[in-house]
Full PDB file with SEQRES, HELIX, SHEET, SSBOND, CRYST1, ORIGX, SCALE, CONECT and MASTER records, all heavy atoms in Angstrom:
SEQRES   1 A   41  GLY LEU ASP PRO LYS ALA THR LYS LYS LEU LEU GLN PHE          
SEQRES   2 A   41  LEU GLU ILE GLU LYS GLU ARG GLY ALA GLY ILE LEU MET          
SEQRES   3 A   41  SER THR HIS VAL LEU ASP THR ALA GLU LYS ILE CYS ASP          
SEQRES   4 A   41  ARG PHE                                                      
HELIX    1 AA1 PRO A    4  ARG A   20  1                                  17    
HELIX    2 AA2 LEU A   31  ILE A   37  1                                   7    
CRYST1    1.000    1.000    1.000  90.00  90.00  90.00 P 1           1          
ORIGX1      1.000000  0.000000  0.000000        0.00000                         
ORIGX2      0.000000  1.000000  0.000000        0.00000                         
ORIGX3      0.000000  0.000000  1.000000        0.00000                         
SCALE1      1.000000  0.000000  0.000000        0.00000                         
SCALE2      0.000000  1.000000  0.000000        0.00000                         
SCALE3      0.000000  0.000000  1.000000        0.00000                         
ATOM      1  N   GLY A   1       0.803  -1.208   0.025  1.00  0.00           N  
ATOM      2  CA  GLY A   1       0.012  -0.070  -0.049  1.00  0.00           C  
ATOM      3  C   GLY A   1       0.859   1.265   0.019  1.00  0.00           C  
ATOM      4  O   GLY A   1       0.243   2.377  -0.177  1.00  0.00           O  
ATOM      5  N   LEU A   2       2.105   1.207   0.092  1.00  0.00           N  
ATOM      6  CA  LEU A   2       2.968   2.350   0.185  1.00  0.00           C  
ATOM      7  C   LEU A   2       3.481   2.650  -1.249  1.00  0.00           C  
ATOM      8  O   LEU A   2       3.823   1.799  -1.941  1.00  0.00           O  
ATOM      9  CB  LEU A   2       4.193   2.081   1.001  1.00  0.00           C  
ATOM     10  CG  LEU A   2       4.072   2.055   2.562  1.00  0.00           C  
ATOM     11  CD1 LEU A   2       5.386   2.089   3.241  1.00  0.00           C  
ATOM     12  CD2 LEU A   2       3.135   3.208   3.094  1.00  0.00           C  
ATOM     13  N   ASP A   3       3.390   3.957  -1.620  1.00  0.00           N  
ATOM     14  CA  ASP A   3       4.032   4.465  -2.847  1.00  0.00           C  
ATOM     15  C   ASP A   3       5.548   4.440  -2.588  1.00  0.00           C  
ATOM     16  O   ASP A   3       6.036   4.363  -1.569  1.00  0.00           O  
ATOM     17  CB  ASP A   3       3.448   5.775  -3.233  1.00  0.00           C  
ATOM     18  CG  ASP A   3       3.723   6.843  -2.204  1.00  0.00           C  
ATOM     19  OD1 ASP A   3       4.915   7.135  -1.811  1.00  0.00           O  
ATOM     20  OD2 ASP A   3       2.736   7.382  -1.554  1.00  0.00           O  
ATOM     21  N   PRO A   4       6.266   4.519  -3.770  1.00  0.00           N  
ATOM     22  CA  PRO A   4       7.713   4.477  -3.778  1.00  0.00           C  
ATOM     23  C   PRO A   4       8.332   5.575  -2.873  1.00  0.00           C  
ATOM     24  O   PRO A   4       9.312   5.292  -2.191  1.00  0.00           O  
ATOM     25  CB  PRO A   4       8.070   4.675  -5.298  1.00  0.00           C  
ATOM     26  CG  PRO A   4       6.982   4.223  -6.013  1.00  0.00           C  
ATOM     27  CD  PRO A   4       5.793   4.433  -5.215  1.00  0.00           C  
ATOM     28  N   LYS A   5       7.761   6.736  -2.929  1.00  0.00           N  
ATOM     29  CA  LYS A   5       8.299   7.799  -2.008  1.00  0.00           C  
ATOM     30  C   LYS A   5       8.172   7.524  -0.531  1.00  0.00           C  
ATOM     31  O   LYS A   5       9.188   7.682   0.182  1.00  0.00           O  
ATOM     32  CB  LYS A   5       7.559   9.093  -2.387  1.00  0.00           C  
ATOM     33  CG  LYS A   5       8.214  10.445  -1.836  1.00  0.00           C  
ATOM     34  CD  LYS A   5       7.576  11.669  -2.398  1.00  0.00           C  
ATOM     35  CE  LYS A   5       8.361  12.892  -1.887  1.00  0.00           C  
ATOM     36  NZ  LYS A   5       7.855  14.081  -2.476  1.00  0.00           N  
ATOM     37  N   ALA A   6       7.047   6.995  -0.170  1.00  0.00           N  
ATOM     38  CA  ALA A   6       6.781   6.659   1.257  1.00  0.00           C  
ATOM     39  C   ALA A   6       7.729   5.492   1.607  1.00  0.00           C  
ATOM     40  O   ALA A   6       8.170   5.334   2.786  1.00  0.00           O  
ATOM     41  CB  ALA A   6       5.281   6.237   1.496  1.00  0.00           C  
ATOM     42  N   THR A   7       7.873   4.563   0.682  1.00  0.00           N  
ATOM     43  CA  THR A   7       8.787   3.347   0.953  1.00  0.00           C  
ATOM     44  C   THR A   7      10.154   3.845   1.271  1.00  0.00           C  
ATOM     45  O   THR A   7      10.819   3.321   2.176  1.00  0.00           O  
ATOM     46  CB  THR A   7       8.781   2.391  -0.221  1.00  0.00           C  
ATOM     47  OG1 THR A   7       7.428   1.835  -0.452  1.00  0.00           O  
ATOM     48  CG2 THR A   7       9.708   1.358   0.022  1.00  0.00           C  
ATOM     49  N   LYS A   8      10.713   4.778   0.417  1.00  0.00           N  
ATOM     50  CA  LYS A   8      11.998   5.288   0.694  1.00  0.00           C  
ATOM     51  C   LYS A   8      12.187   5.963   2.019  1.00  0.00           C  
ATOM     52  O   LYS A   8      13.067   5.844   2.696  1.00  0.00           O  
ATOM     53  CB  LYS A   8      12.392   6.302  -0.423  1.00  0.00           C  
ATOM     54  CG  LYS A   8      13.770   6.856  -0.439  1.00  0.00           C  
ATOM     55  CD  LYS A   8      14.071   7.801  -1.604  1.00  0.00           C  
ATOM     56  CE  LYS A   8      15.480   8.261  -1.520  1.00  0.00           C  
ATOM     57  NZ  LYS A   8      15.763   9.158  -2.629  1.00  0.00           N  
ATOM     58  N   LYS A   9      11.149   6.784   2.364  1.00  0.00           N  
ATOM     59  CA  LYS A   9      11.133   7.450   3.632  1.00  0.00           C  
ATOM     60  C   LYS A   9      11.176   6.505   4.752  1.00  0.00           C  
ATOM     61  O   LYS A   9      11.851   6.601   5.789  1.00  0.00           O  
ATOM     62  CB  LYS A   9       9.919   8.444   3.748  1.00  0.00           C  
ATOM     63  CG  LYS A   9       9.949   9.563   2.873  1.00  0.00           C  
ATOM     64  CD  LYS A   9      11.142  10.481   3.115  1.00  0.00           C  
ATOM     65  CE  LYS A   9      11.124  11.691   2.124  1.00  0.00           C  
ATOM     66  NZ  LYS A   9      12.268  12.613   2.320  1.00  0.00           N  
ATOM     67  N   LEU A  10      10.359   5.411   4.672  1.00  0.00           N  
ATOM     68  CA  LEU A  10      10.347   4.503   5.735  1.00  0.00           C  
ATOM     69  C   LEU A  10      11.714   3.683   5.860  1.00  0.00           C  
ATOM     70  O   LEU A  10      12.293   3.571   6.962  1.00  0.00           O  
ATOM     71  CB  LEU A  10       9.326   3.313   5.443  1.00  0.00           C  
ATOM     72  CG  LEU A  10       9.300   2.052   6.253  1.00  0.00           C  
ATOM     73  CD1 LEU A  10       9.153   2.443   7.753  1.00  0.00           C  
ATOM     74  CD2 LEU A  10       8.398   1.106   5.827  1.00  0.00           C  
ATOM     75  N   LEU A  11      12.358   3.327   4.690  1.00  0.00           N  
ATOM     76  CA  LEU A  11      13.661   2.781   4.735  1.00  0.00           C  
ATOM     77  C   LEU A  11      14.701   3.741   5.413  1.00  0.00           C  
ATOM     78  O   LEU A  11      15.639   3.244   6.177  1.00  0.00           O  
ATOM     79  CB  LEU A  11      14.151   2.441   3.445  1.00  0.00           C  
ATOM     80  CG  LEU A  11      13.241   1.319   2.745  1.00  0.00           C  
ATOM     81  CD1 LEU A  11      13.836   0.980   1.315  1.00  0.00           C  
ATOM     82  CD2 LEU A  11      13.335   0.055   3.635  1.00  0.00           C  
ATOM     83  N   GLN A  12      14.601   4.994   5.218  1.00  0.00           N  
ATOM     84  CA  GLN A  12      15.403   5.991   5.723  1.00  0.00           C  
ATOM     85  C   GLN A  12      15.299   6.021   7.218  1.00  0.00           C  
ATOM     86  O   GLN A  12      16.361   6.026   8.009  1.00  0.00           O  
ATOM     87  CB  GLN A  12      15.339   7.340   5.055  1.00  0.00           C  
ATOM     88  CG  GLN A  12      15.774   7.522   3.679  1.00  0.00           C  
ATOM     89  CD  GLN A  12      15.262   8.815   3.115  1.00  0.00           C  
ATOM     90  OE1 GLN A  12      14.447   9.522   3.568  1.00  0.00           O  
ATOM     91  NE2 GLN A  12      15.962   9.175   1.962  1.00  0.00           N  
ATOM     92  N   PHE A  13      14.048   6.007   7.744  1.00  0.00           N  
ATOM     93  CA  PHE A  13      13.783   6.098   9.258  1.00  0.00           C  
ATOM     94  C   PHE A  13      14.215   4.751   9.916  1.00  0.00           C  
ATOM     95  O   PHE A  13      14.701   4.762  10.976  1.00  0.00           O  
ATOM     96  CB  PHE A  13      12.375   6.446   9.455  1.00  0.00           C  
ATOM     97  CG  PHE A  13      12.070   7.893   9.404  1.00  0.00           C  
ATOM     98  CD1 PHE A  13      11.466   8.405   8.448  1.00  0.00           C  
ATOM     99  CD2 PHE A  13      12.426   8.678  10.589  1.00  0.00           C  
ATOM    100  CE1 PHE A  13      11.139   9.836   8.366  1.00  0.00           C  
ATOM    101  CE2 PHE A  13      12.185   9.995  10.430  1.00  0.00           C  
ATOM    102  CZ  PHE A  13      11.508  10.608   9.501  1.00  0.00           C  
ATOM    103  N   LEU A  14      14.075   3.674   9.215  1.00  0.00           N  
ATOM    104  CA  LEU A  14      14.519   2.304   9.801  1.00  0.00           C  
ATOM    105  C   LEU A  14      16.032   2.297   9.901  1.00  0.00           C  
ATOM    106  O   LEU A  14      16.582   1.794  10.923  1.00  0.00           O  
ATOM    107  CB  LEU A  14      14.158   1.214   8.884  1.00  0.00           C  
ATOM    108  CG  LEU A  14      12.615   0.955   8.906  1.00  0.00           C  
ATOM    109  CD1 LEU A  14      12.292  -0.263   7.998  1.00  0.00           C  
ATOM    110  CD2 LEU A  14      12.026   0.699  10.326  1.00  0.00           C  
ATOM    111  N   GLU A  15      16.724   2.984   8.955  1.00  0.00           N  
ATOM    112  CA  GLU A  15      18.200   3.107   9.101  1.00  0.00           C  
ATOM    113  C   GLU A  15      18.596   3.953  10.278  1.00  0.00           C  
ATOM    114  O   GLU A  15      19.586   3.682  10.989  1.00  0.00           O  
ATOM    115  CB  GLU A  15      18.809   3.662   7.896  1.00  0.00           C  
ATOM    116  CG  GLU A  15      20.298   3.686   7.745  1.00  0.00           C  
ATOM    117  CD  GLU A  15      20.957   2.358   7.812  1.00  0.00           C  
ATOM    118  OE1 GLU A  15      20.330   1.318   7.394  1.00  0.00           O  
ATOM    119  OE2 GLU A  15      22.017   2.131   8.498  1.00  0.00           O  
ATOM    120  N   ILE A  16      17.852   4.979  10.484  1.00  0.00           N  
ATOM    121  CA  ILE A  16      18.065   5.876  11.623  1.00  0.00           C  
ATOM    122  C   ILE A  16      17.915   5.138  12.911  1.00  0.00           C  
ATOM    123  O   ILE A  16      18.686   5.179  13.902  1.00  0.00           O  
ATOM    124  CB  ILE A  16      17.157   7.088  11.646  1.00  0.00           C  
ATOM    125  CG1 ILE A  16      17.598   8.002  10.396  1.00  0.00           C  
ATOM    126  CG2 ILE A  16      17.236   7.903  12.937  1.00  0.00           C  
ATOM    127  CD1 ILE A  16      16.601   9.175  10.189  1.00  0.00           C  
ATOM    128  N   GLU A  17      16.813   4.335  13.021  1.00  0.00           N  
ATOM    129  CA  GLU A  17      16.518   3.449  14.230  1.00  0.00           C  
ATOM    130  C   GLU A  17      17.571   2.510  14.402  1.00  0.00           C  
ATOM    131  O   GLU A  17      17.981   2.213  15.498  1.00  0.00           O  
ATOM    132  CB  GLU A  17      15.064   2.840  14.092  1.00  0.00           C  
ATOM    133  CG  GLU A  17      13.967   3.931  14.099  1.00  0.00           C  
ATOM    134  CD  GLU A  17      14.088   4.651  15.468  1.00  0.00           C  
ATOM    135  OE1 GLU A  17      13.729   4.163  16.481  1.00  0.00           O  
ATOM    136  OE2 GLU A  17      14.493   5.862  15.451  1.00  0.00           O  
ATOM    137  N   LYS A  18      18.104   1.912  13.392  1.00  0.00           N  
ATOM    138  CA  LYS A  18      19.217   0.940  13.495  1.00  0.00           C  
ATOM    139  C   LYS A  18      20.399   1.583  14.035  1.00  0.00           C  
ATOM    140  O   LYS A  18      21.112   1.110  15.012  1.00  0.00           O  
ATOM    141  CB  LYS A  18      19.571   0.389  12.127  1.00  0.00           C  
ATOM    142  CG  LYS A  18      18.648  -0.732  11.621  1.00  0.00           C  
ATOM    143  CD  LYS A  18      19.119  -1.273  10.254  1.00  0.00           C  
ATOM    144  CE  LYS A  18      20.596  -1.949  10.354  1.00  0.00           C  
ATOM    145  NZ  LYS A  18      20.979  -2.346   9.082  1.00  0.00           N  
ATOM    146  N   GLU A  19      20.785   2.794  13.585  1.00  0.00           N  
ATOM    147  CA  GLU A  19      21.896   3.507  14.134  1.00  0.00           C  
ATOM    148  C   GLU A  19      21.691   3.899  15.625  1.00  0.00           C  
ATOM    149  O   GLU A  19      22.722   4.007  16.328  1.00  0.00           O  
ATOM    150  CB  GLU A  19      22.093   4.806  13.298  1.00  0.00           C  
ATOM    151  CG  GLU A  19      22.532   4.490  11.871  1.00  0.00           C  
ATOM    152  CD  GLU A  19      22.616   5.818  11.039  1.00  0.00           C  
ATOM    153  OE1 GLU A  19      22.264   6.891  11.571  1.00  0.00           O  
ATOM    154  OE2 GLU A  19      23.033   5.664   9.774  1.00  0.00           O  
ATOM    155  N   ARG A  20      20.421   4.030  16.044  1.00  0.00           N  
ATOM    156  CA  ARG A  20      20.129   4.383  17.474  1.00  0.00           C  
ATOM    157  C   ARG A  20      20.322   3.026  18.286  1.00  0.00           C  
ATOM    158  O   ARG A  20      20.466   3.140  19.466  1.00  0.00           O  
ATOM    159  CB  ARG A  20      18.749   4.838  17.569  1.00  0.00           C  
ATOM    160  CG  ARG A  20      18.295   5.272  18.929  1.00  0.00           C  
ATOM    161  CD  ARG A  20      16.831   5.942  18.867  1.00  0.00           C  
ATOM    162  NE  ARG A  20      15.921   4.954  18.484  1.00  0.00           N  
ATOM    163  CZ  ARG A  20      15.315   4.092  19.309  1.00  0.00           C  
ATOM    164  NH1 ARG A  20      15.669   4.010  20.589  1.00  0.00           N  
ATOM    165  NH2 ARG A  20      14.383   3.254  18.846  1.00  0.00           N  
ATOM    166  N   GLY A  21      20.430   1.933  17.690  1.00  0.00           N  
ATOM    167  CA  GLY A  21      20.580   0.679  18.342  1.00  0.00           C  
ATOM    168  C   GLY A  21      19.359  -0.207  18.491  1.00  0.00           C  
ATOM    169  O   GLY A  21      19.379  -1.275  19.098  1.00  0.00           O  
ATOM    170  N   ALA A  22      18.290   0.235  17.728  1.00  0.00           N  
ATOM    171  CA  ALA A  22      17.150  -0.700  17.717  1.00  0.00           C  
ATOM    172  C   ALA A  22      17.254  -1.862  16.823  1.00  0.00           C  
ATOM    173  O   ALA A  22      18.041  -1.901  15.872  1.00  0.00           O  
ATOM    174  CB  ALA A  22      15.933   0.171  17.208  1.00  0.00           C  
ATOM    175  N   GLY A  23      16.635  -2.944  17.152  1.00  0.00           N  
ATOM    176  CA  GLY A  23      16.606  -4.057  16.319  1.00  0.00           C  
ATOM    177  C   GLY A  23      15.261  -4.201  15.633  1.00  0.00           C  
ATOM    178  O   GLY A  23      14.245  -3.660  15.961  1.00  0.00           O  
ATOM    179  N   ILE A  24      15.398  -4.726  14.350  1.00  0.00           N  
ATOM    180  CA  ILE A  24      14.189  -4.878  13.566  1.00  0.00           C  
ATOM    181  C   ILE A  24      13.964  -6.192  12.987  1.00  0.00           C  
ATOM    182  O   ILE A  24      14.862  -6.733  12.320  1.00  0.00           O  
ATOM    183  CB  ILE A  24      14.261  -3.837  12.339  1.00  0.00           C  
ATOM    184  CG1 ILE A  24      14.474  -2.435  12.912  1.00  0.00           C  
ATOM    185  CG2 ILE A  24      13.058  -3.804  11.433  1.00  0.00           C  
ATOM    186  CD1 ILE A  24      14.992  -1.490  11.761  1.00  0.00           C  
ATOM    187  N   LEU A  25      12.774  -6.785  13.139  1.00  0.00           N  
ATOM    188  CA  LEU A  25      12.390  -8.022  12.489  1.00  0.00           C  
ATOM    189  C   LEU A  25      11.265  -7.687  11.478  1.00  0.00           C  
ATOM    190  O   LEU A  25      10.254  -7.092  11.854  1.00  0.00           O  
ATOM    191  CB  LEU A  25      11.801  -9.064  13.511  1.00  0.00           C  
ATOM    192  CG  LEU A  25      11.205 -10.285  12.904  1.00  0.00           C  
ATOM    193  CD1 LEU A  25      12.334 -11.080  12.219  1.00  0.00           C  
ATOM    194  CD2 LEU A  25      10.598 -11.161  13.949  1.00  0.00           C  
ATOM    195  N   MET A  26      11.538  -7.945  10.207  1.00  0.00           N  
ATOM    196  CA  MET A  26      10.632  -7.475   9.179  1.00  0.00           C  
ATOM    197  C   MET A  26      10.253  -8.596   8.225  1.00  0.00           C  
ATOM    198  O   MET A  26      11.094  -9.183   7.618  1.00  0.00           O  
ATOM    199  CB  MET A  26      11.294  -6.343   8.242  1.00  0.00           C  
ATOM    200  CG  MET A  26      10.352  -5.737   7.222  1.00  0.00           C  
ATOM    201  SD  MET A  26      11.138  -4.470   6.264  1.00  0.00           S  
ATOM    202  CE  MET A  26      12.334  -5.431   5.385  1.00  0.00           C  
ATOM    203  N   SER A  27       9.029  -8.937   8.151  1.00  0.00           N  
ATOM    204  CA  SER A  27       8.469  -9.823   7.221  1.00  0.00           C  
ATOM    205  C   SER A  27       8.240  -9.143   5.958  1.00  0.00           C  
ATOM    206  O   SER A  27       7.587  -8.115   5.926  1.00  0.00           O  
ATOM    207  CB  SER A  27       7.217 -10.526   7.690  1.00  0.00           C  
ATOM    208  OG  SER A  27       6.480 -11.362   6.742  1.00  0.00           O  
ATOM    209  N   THR A  28       8.597  -9.661   4.822  1.00  0.00           N  
ATOM    210  CA  THR A  28       8.383  -9.067   3.573  1.00  0.00           C  
ATOM    211  C   THR A  28       8.469 -10.133   2.356  1.00  0.00           C  
ATOM    212  O   THR A  28       9.160 -11.007   2.362  1.00  0.00           O  
ATOM    213  CB  THR A  28       9.342  -7.972   3.265  1.00  0.00           C  
ATOM    214  OG1 THR A  28       9.084  -7.347   1.978  1.00  0.00           O  
ATOM    215  CG2 THR A  28      10.872  -8.451   3.271  1.00  0.00           C  
ATOM    216  N   HIS A  29       7.714  -9.701   1.339  1.00  0.00           N  
ATOM    217  CA  HIS A  29       7.695 -10.413   0.044  1.00  0.00           C  
ATOM    218  C   HIS A  29       8.679  -9.697  -0.989  1.00  0.00           C  
ATOM    219  O   HIS A  29       8.926 -10.206  -2.006  1.00  0.00           O  
ATOM    220  CB  HIS A  29       6.372 -10.527  -0.575  1.00  0.00           C  
ATOM    221  CG  HIS A  29       5.517 -11.606   0.001  1.00  0.00           C  
ATOM    222  ND1 HIS A  29       4.415 -11.360   0.782  1.00  0.00           N  
ATOM    223  CD2 HIS A  29       5.769 -13.107  -0.052  1.00  0.00           C  
ATOM    224  CE1 HIS A  29       3.824 -12.580   1.212  1.00  0.00           C  
ATOM    225  NE2 HIS A  29       4.635 -13.488   0.741  1.00  0.00           N  
ATOM    226  N   VAL A  30       9.053  -8.434  -0.627  1.00  0.00           N  
ATOM    227  CA  VAL A  30       9.763  -7.610  -1.483  1.00  0.00           C  
ATOM    228  C   VAL A  30      11.344  -8.047  -1.384  1.00  0.00           C  
ATOM    229  O   VAL A  30      11.977  -7.332  -0.747  1.00  0.00           O  
ATOM    230  CB  VAL A  30       9.501  -6.172  -1.277  1.00  0.00           C  
ATOM    231  CG1 VAL A  30      10.113  -5.299  -2.358  1.00  0.00           C  
ATOM    232  CG2 VAL A  30       8.056  -5.891  -1.233  1.00  0.00           C  
ATOM    233  N   LEU A  31      11.704  -9.048  -2.078  1.00  0.00           N  
ATOM    234  CA  LEU A  31      13.080  -9.621  -1.865  1.00  0.00           C  
ATOM    235  C   LEU A  31      14.171  -8.771  -2.435  1.00  0.00           C  
ATOM    236  O   LEU A  31      15.290  -8.706  -1.917  1.00  0.00           O  
ATOM    237  CB  LEU A  31      13.098 -11.039  -2.436  1.00  0.00           C  
ATOM    238  CG  LEU A  31      12.175 -12.022  -1.809  1.00  0.00           C  
ATOM    239  CD1 LEU A  31      12.485 -13.401  -2.372  1.00  0.00           C  
ATOM    240  CD2 LEU A  31      12.173 -12.042  -0.322  1.00  0.00           C  
ATOM    241  N   ASP A  32      13.869  -8.009  -3.533  1.00  0.00           N  
ATOM    242  CA  ASP A  32      14.926  -7.191  -3.947  1.00  0.00           C  
ATOM    243  C   ASP A  32      15.248  -6.103  -2.977  1.00  0.00           C  
ATOM    244  O   ASP A  32      16.487  -5.676  -2.819  1.00  0.00           O  
ATOM    245  CB  ASP A  32      14.537  -6.556  -5.392  1.00  0.00           C  
ATOM    246  CG  ASP A  32      13.221  -5.800  -5.320  1.00  0.00           C  
ATOM    247  OD1 ASP A  32      12.495  -5.981  -4.354  1.00  0.00           O  
ATOM    248  OD2 ASP A  32      12.963  -5.025  -6.307  1.00  0.00           O  
ATOM    249  N   THR A  33      14.286  -5.534  -2.345  1.00  0.00           N  
ATOM    250  CA  THR A  33      14.528  -4.572  -1.326  1.00  0.00           C  
ATOM    251  C   THR A  33      15.143  -5.177  -0.058  1.00  0.00           C  
ATOM    252  O   THR A  33      16.056  -4.626   0.561  1.00  0.00           O  
ATOM    253  CB  THR A  33      13.200  -3.755  -0.882  1.00  0.00           C  
ATOM    254  OG1 THR A  33      12.713  -3.086  -1.958  1.00  0.00           O  
ATOM    255  CG2 THR A  33      13.467  -2.905   0.286  1.00  0.00           C  
ATOM    256  N   ALA A  34      14.639  -6.383   0.294  1.00  0.00           N  
ATOM    257  CA  ALA A  34      15.189  -7.033   1.466  1.00  0.00           C  
ATOM    258  C   ALA A  34      16.686  -7.322   1.289  1.00  0.00           C  
ATOM    259  O   ALA A  34      17.424  -7.173   2.281  1.00  0.00           O  
ATOM    260  CB  ALA A  34      14.414  -8.318   1.717  1.00  0.00           C  
ATOM    261  N   GLU A  35      17.065  -7.748   0.104  1.00  0.00           N  
ATOM    262  CA  GLU A  35      18.532  -7.966  -0.177  1.00  0.00           C  
ATOM    263  C   GLU A  35      19.394  -6.798   0.143  1.00  0.00           C  
ATOM    264  O   GLU A  35      20.499  -6.869   0.610  1.00  0.00           O  
ATOM    265  CB  GLU A  35      18.759  -8.508  -1.625  1.00  0.00           C  
ATOM    266  CG  GLU A  35      20.057  -8.890  -1.930  1.00  0.00           C  
ATOM    267  CD  GLU A  35      20.292  -9.436  -3.310  1.00  0.00           C  
ATOM    268  OE1 GLU A  35      19.206  -9.822  -3.899  1.00  0.00           O  
ATOM    269  OE2 GLU A  35      21.431  -9.438  -3.678  1.00  0.00           O  
ATOM    270  N   LYS A  36      18.868  -5.622  -0.139  1.00  0.00           N  
ATOM    271  CA  LYS A  36      19.616  -4.431  -0.080  1.00  0.00           C  
ATOM    272  C   LYS A  36      19.777  -3.930   1.468  1.00  0.00           C  
ATOM    273  O   LYS A  36      20.719  -3.365   1.861  1.00  0.00           O  
ATOM    274  CB  LYS A  36      19.032  -3.280  -0.850  1.00  0.00           C  
ATOM    275  CG  LYS A  36      19.104  -3.550  -2.348  1.00  0.00           C  
ATOM    276  CD  LYS A  36      18.382  -2.466  -3.149  1.00  0.00           C  
ATOM    277  CE  LYS A  36      18.313  -2.707  -4.549  1.00  0.00           C  
ATOM    278  NZ  LYS A  36      17.543  -1.701  -5.318  1.00  0.00           N  
ATOM    279  N   ILE A  37      18.625  -4.181   2.287  1.00  0.00           N  
ATOM    280  CA  ILE A  37      18.647  -3.619   3.540  1.00  0.00           C  
ATOM    281  C   ILE A  37      18.741  -4.511   4.677  1.00  0.00           C  
ATOM    282  O   ILE A  37      19.124  -4.124   5.847  1.00  0.00           O  
ATOM    283  CB  ILE A  37      17.369  -2.778   3.792  1.00  0.00           C  
ATOM    284  CG1 ILE A  37      16.115  -3.788   3.765  1.00  0.00           C  
ATOM    285  CG2 ILE A  37      17.113  -1.791   2.582  1.00  0.00           C  
ATOM    286  CD1 ILE A  37      14.760  -3.055   4.131  1.00  0.00           C  
ATOM    287  N   CYS A  38      18.646  -5.798   4.564  1.00  0.00           N  
ATOM    288  CA  CYS A  38      18.701  -6.721   5.655  1.00  0.00           C  
ATOM    289  C   CYS A  38      20.093  -7.240   6.043  1.00  0.00           C  
ATOM    290  O   CYS A  38      20.901  -7.521   4.989  1.00  0.00           O  
ATOM    291  CB  CYS A  38      17.772  -7.983   5.381  1.00  0.00           C  
ATOM    292  SG  CYS A  38      16.006  -7.592   5.323  1.00  0.00           S  
ATOM    293  N   ASP A  39      20.383  -7.427   7.212  1.00  0.00           N  
ATOM    294  CA  ASP A  39      21.636  -7.908   7.599  1.00  0.00           C  
ATOM    295  C   ASP A  39      21.666  -9.421   7.592  1.00  0.00           C  
ATOM    296  O   ASP A  39      22.649 -10.022   7.267  1.00  0.00           O  
ATOM    297  CB  ASP A  39      21.925  -7.460   9.007  1.00  0.00           C  
ATOM    298  CG  ASP A  39      22.052  -5.833   9.083  1.00  0.00           C  
ATOM    299  OD1 ASP A  39      22.853  -5.267   8.434  1.00  0.00           O  
ATOM    300  OD2 ASP A  39      21.211  -5.295   9.826  1.00  0.00           O  
ATOM    301  N   ARG A  40      20.553 -10.011   8.004  1.00  0.00           N  
ATOM    302  CA  ARG A  40      20.427 -11.528   7.875  1.00  0.00           C  
ATOM    303  C   ARG A  40      18.987 -11.797   7.498  1.00  0.00           C  
ATOM    304  O   ARG A  40      18.139 -10.913   7.518  1.00  0.00           O  
ATOM    305  CB  ARG A  40      20.727 -12.129   9.325  1.00  0.00           C  
ATOM    306  CG  ARG A  40      22.190 -12.006   9.668  1.00  0.00           C  
ATOM    307  CD  ARG A  40      22.439 -12.813  11.062  1.00  0.00           C  
ATOM    308  NE  ARG A  40      21.695 -12.250  12.106  1.00  0.00           N  
ATOM    309  CZ  ARG A  40      20.664 -12.914  12.754  1.00  0.00           C  
ATOM    310  NH1 ARG A  40      20.245 -14.017  12.317  1.00  0.00           N  
ATOM    311  NH2 ARG A  40      20.138 -12.332  13.762  1.00  0.00           N  
ATOM    312  N   PHE A  41      18.797 -13.040   7.254  1.00  0.00           N  
ATOM    313  CA  PHE A  41      17.531 -13.575   6.851  1.00  0.00           C  
ATOM    314  C   PHE A  41      17.120 -14.797   7.628  1.00  0.00           C  
ATOM    315  O   PHE A  41      17.910 -15.607   7.914  1.00  0.00           O  
ATOM    316  CB  PHE A  41      17.440 -13.974   5.336  1.00  0.00           C  
ATOM    317  CG  PHE A  41      17.902 -12.793   4.372  1.00  0.00           C  
ATOM    318  CD1 PHE A  41      19.271 -12.651   4.106  1.00  0.00           C  
ATOM    319  CD2 PHE A  41      17.051 -11.816   4.057  1.00  0.00           C  
ATOM    320  CE1 PHE A  41      19.617 -11.506   3.312  1.00  0.00           C  
ATOM    321  CE2 PHE A  41      17.464 -10.703   3.225  1.00  0.00           C  
ATOM    322  CZ  PHE A  41      18.744 -10.614   2.903  1.00  0.00           C  
TER     323      PHE A  41                                                      
MASTER        0    0    0    2    0    0    0    6  322    1    0    4          
END                                                                             
């Protein structure tokens, strides 16, 4: 349901939260994006 612009903004904020020390578990079918942003699977 997210448009590309909102998706990019979400990814930017998740990166900020990672830098803050938060952990993230994310279920997704979007494997091309997952490959770019996930540390493990």
